[in-house]
Amino acid sequence: MNLHPKPRTSNPRANTLRAAVDAHNAEAAKYGKECVVYPPGYVEFEAPAPLTQSMPKHMTRKPNGAIRVRISGGGVTQRSVGSFDTVTAAVSAYNVEAVILGIPLHPDTPVAHTPADLPPPLRSKP
């Protein structure tokens, strides 16, 4: 068993052709070797946005892709508002429940979406 492993000295993995060519050319220049050039018409690949985007507050993404919304406040313990296909629909549903509970609207509410756009809160009978 080796208590003092030898540190790794290899080059880090290049994620793009440009990074690989640049790393190769840097090593080649160090040892007087021939450098390589990019292929003609080379265009850098742009990776798509990750599928696991961070969700707005009070929302989580279920394994099936639906967005689960939960709400708490106004004297009520945390409870589910429902599951929705889009963040916009989820924020709208949250805001409807927020008005009913008398708590502030969701922080991701669009500017055009004001309390006047929402239904009035339900009043319980005395």
Protein backbone atom coordinates (compact mmCIF):
# COMPACT_ATOMS: atom_id res chain seq x y z
CA MET A 1 0.00 0.00 0.00
CA ASN A 2 1.41 3.34 -1.04
CA LEU A 3 0.93 6.01 1.66
CA HIS A 4 2.27 8.80 -0.54
CA PRO A 5 0.68 8.50 -3.98
CA LYS A 6 2.47 10.21 -6.85
CA PRO A 7 0.63 13.39 -7.86
CA ARG A 8 -1.13 13.23 -11.19
CA THR A 9 0.77 15.18 -13.82
CA SER A 10 -1.37 14.60 -16.91
CA ASN A 11 -3.15 17.42 -18.63
CA PRO A 12 -6.74 18.10 -17.61
CA ARG A 13 -9.42 16.79 -19.94
CA ALA A 14 -10.38 19.23 -22.69
CA ASN A 15 -14.12 19.65 -23.20
CA THR A 16 -13.89 21.25 -26.65
CA LEU A 17 -11.76 20.85 -29.73
CA ARG A 18 -10.42 24.37 -29.24
CA ALA A 19 -9.26 23.55 -25.68
CA ALA A 20 -7.68 20.28 -26.86
CA VAL A 21 -5.81 21.96 -29.73
CA ASP A 22 -4.64 24.80 -27.48
CA ALA A 23 -3.40 22.34 -24.84
CA HIS A 24 -1.64 20.26 -27.51
CA ASN A 25 0.01 23.32 -29.06
CA ALA A 26 1.22 24.52 -25.65
CA GLU A 27 2.89 21.14 -25.00
CA ALA A 28 4.23 20.93 -28.55
CA ALA A 29 5.80 24.40 -28.30
CA LYS A 30 7.48 23.36 -25.03
CA TYR A 31 9.25 20.45 -26.72
CA GLY A 32 9.81 22.02 -30.15
CA LYS A 33 7.24 19.80 -31.87
CA GLU A 34 4.90 20.73 -34.70
CA CYS A 35 1.69 22.56 -33.74
CA VAL A 36 -1.70 21.68 -35.20
CA VAL A 37 -4.29 24.02 -36.69
CA TYR A 38 -8.05 24.03 -36.40
CA PRO A 39 -9.94 22.29 -39.21
CA PRO A 40 -11.15 24.66 -41.94
CA GLY A 41 -14.61 26.02 -41.17
CA TYR A 42 -14.43 24.94 -37.51
CA VAL A 43 -17.24 26.38 -35.38
CA GLU A 44 -17.17 25.96 -31.59
CA PHE A 45 -19.95 23.73 -30.25
CA GLU A 46 -22.34 25.40 -27.80
CA ALA A 47 -23.73 23.03 -25.22
CA PRO A 48 -27.48 23.28 -24.57
CA ALA A 49 -28.72 24.53 -21.22
CA PRO A 50 -28.90 21.80 -18.57
CA LEU A 51 -32.26 20.16 -18.03
CA THR A 52 -31.95 20.48 -14.28
CA GLN A 53 -32.62 24.19 -13.99
CA SER A 54 -33.10 25.61 -10.55
CA MET A 55 -36.76 26.01 -9.71
CA PRO A 56 -38.36 29.12 -8.21
CA LYS A 57 -39.02 29.23 -4.49
CA HIS A 58 -41.89 26.98 -3.29
CA MET A 59 -41.60 24.79 -6.42
CA THR A 60 -39.94 21.47 -7.20
CA ARG A 61 -39.77 19.41 -10.38
CA LYS A 62 -41.21 15.91 -10.15
CA PRO A 63 -39.54 12.97 -11.99
CA ASN A 64 -42.26 13.09 -14.66
CA GLY A 65 -41.40 16.76 -15.42
CA ALA A 66 -44.41 18.32 -13.71
CA ILE A 67 -43.85 21.25 -11.34
CA ARG A 68 -45.13 20.73 -7.79
CA VAL A 69 -46.19 23.86 -5.91
CA ARG A 70 -46.44 24.16 -2.13
CA ILE A 71 -47.55 27.13 -0.04
CA SER A 72 -47.48 28.06 3.63
CA GLY A 73 -48.33 31.09 5.71
CA GLY A 74 -51.45 32.92 6.78
CA GLY A 75 -51.84 30.61 9.75
CA VAL A 76 -51.87 27.49 7.59
CA THR A 77 -49.20 24.78 7.63
CA GLN A 78 -47.46 23.94 4.37
CA ARG A 79 -49.75 22.32 1.85
CA SER A 80 -49.78 21.40 -1.82
CA VAL A 81 -51.30 23.75 -4.39
CA GLY A 82 -50.98 21.19 -7.18
CA SER A 83 -48.81 20.08 -10.10
CA PHE A 84 -48.47 22.11 -13.30
CA ASP A 85 -46.79 21.80 -16.68
CA THR A 86 -45.21 25.28 -16.77
CA VAL A 87 -43.63 27.64 -14.27
CA THR A 88 -46.04 30.38 -15.37
CA ALA A 89 -49.07 28.24 -14.53
CA ALA A 90 -47.47 27.25 -11.23
CA VAL A 91 -46.79 30.88 -10.25
CA SER A 92 -50.36 31.85 -11.17
CA ALA A 93 -51.80 29.04 -9.02
CA TYR A 94 -49.51 30.02 -6.14
CA ASN A 95 -50.70 33.63 -6.41
CA VAL A 96 -54.37 32.61 -6.30
CA GLU A 97 -53.71 30.66 -3.09
CA ALA A 98 -51.61 33.53 -1.71
CA VAL A 99 -54.52 35.94 -2.12
CA ILE A 100 -56.85 33.47 -0.41
CA LEU A 101 -54.42 33.10 2.51
CA GLY A 102 -53.61 36.81 2.60
CA ILE A 103 -49.86 36.39 2.08
CA PRO A 104 -47.54 38.16 -0.43
CA LEU A 105 -47.53 37.10 -4.08
CA HIS A 106 -44.80 34.84 -5.44
CA PRO A 107 -41.48 36.67 -6.03
CA ASP A 108 -41.40 35.51 -9.69
CA THR A 109 -44.76 37.11 -10.49
CA PRO A 110 -44.62 39.05 -13.78
CA VAL A 111 -45.02 42.83 -13.42
CA ALA A 112 -48.31 42.82 -15.37
CA HIS A 113 -49.74 40.26 -12.93
CA THR A 114 -50.99 42.33 -9.99
CA PRO A 115 -53.36 41.52 -7.12
CA ALA A 116 -56.13 43.25 -9.08
CA ASP A 117 -55.86 40.47 -11.69
CA LEU A 118 -56.54 37.79 -9.09
CA PRO A 119 -59.90 36.69 -7.67
CA PRO A 120 -60.94 38.13 -4.31
CA PRO A 121 -60.14 36.00 -1.24
CA LEU A 122 -62.79 33.58 -0.06
CA ARG A 123 -64.35 34.53 3.24
CA SER A 124 -65.41 31.90 5.69
CA LYS A 125 -68.85 32.17 7.28
CA PRO A 126 -68.83 33.42 10.89
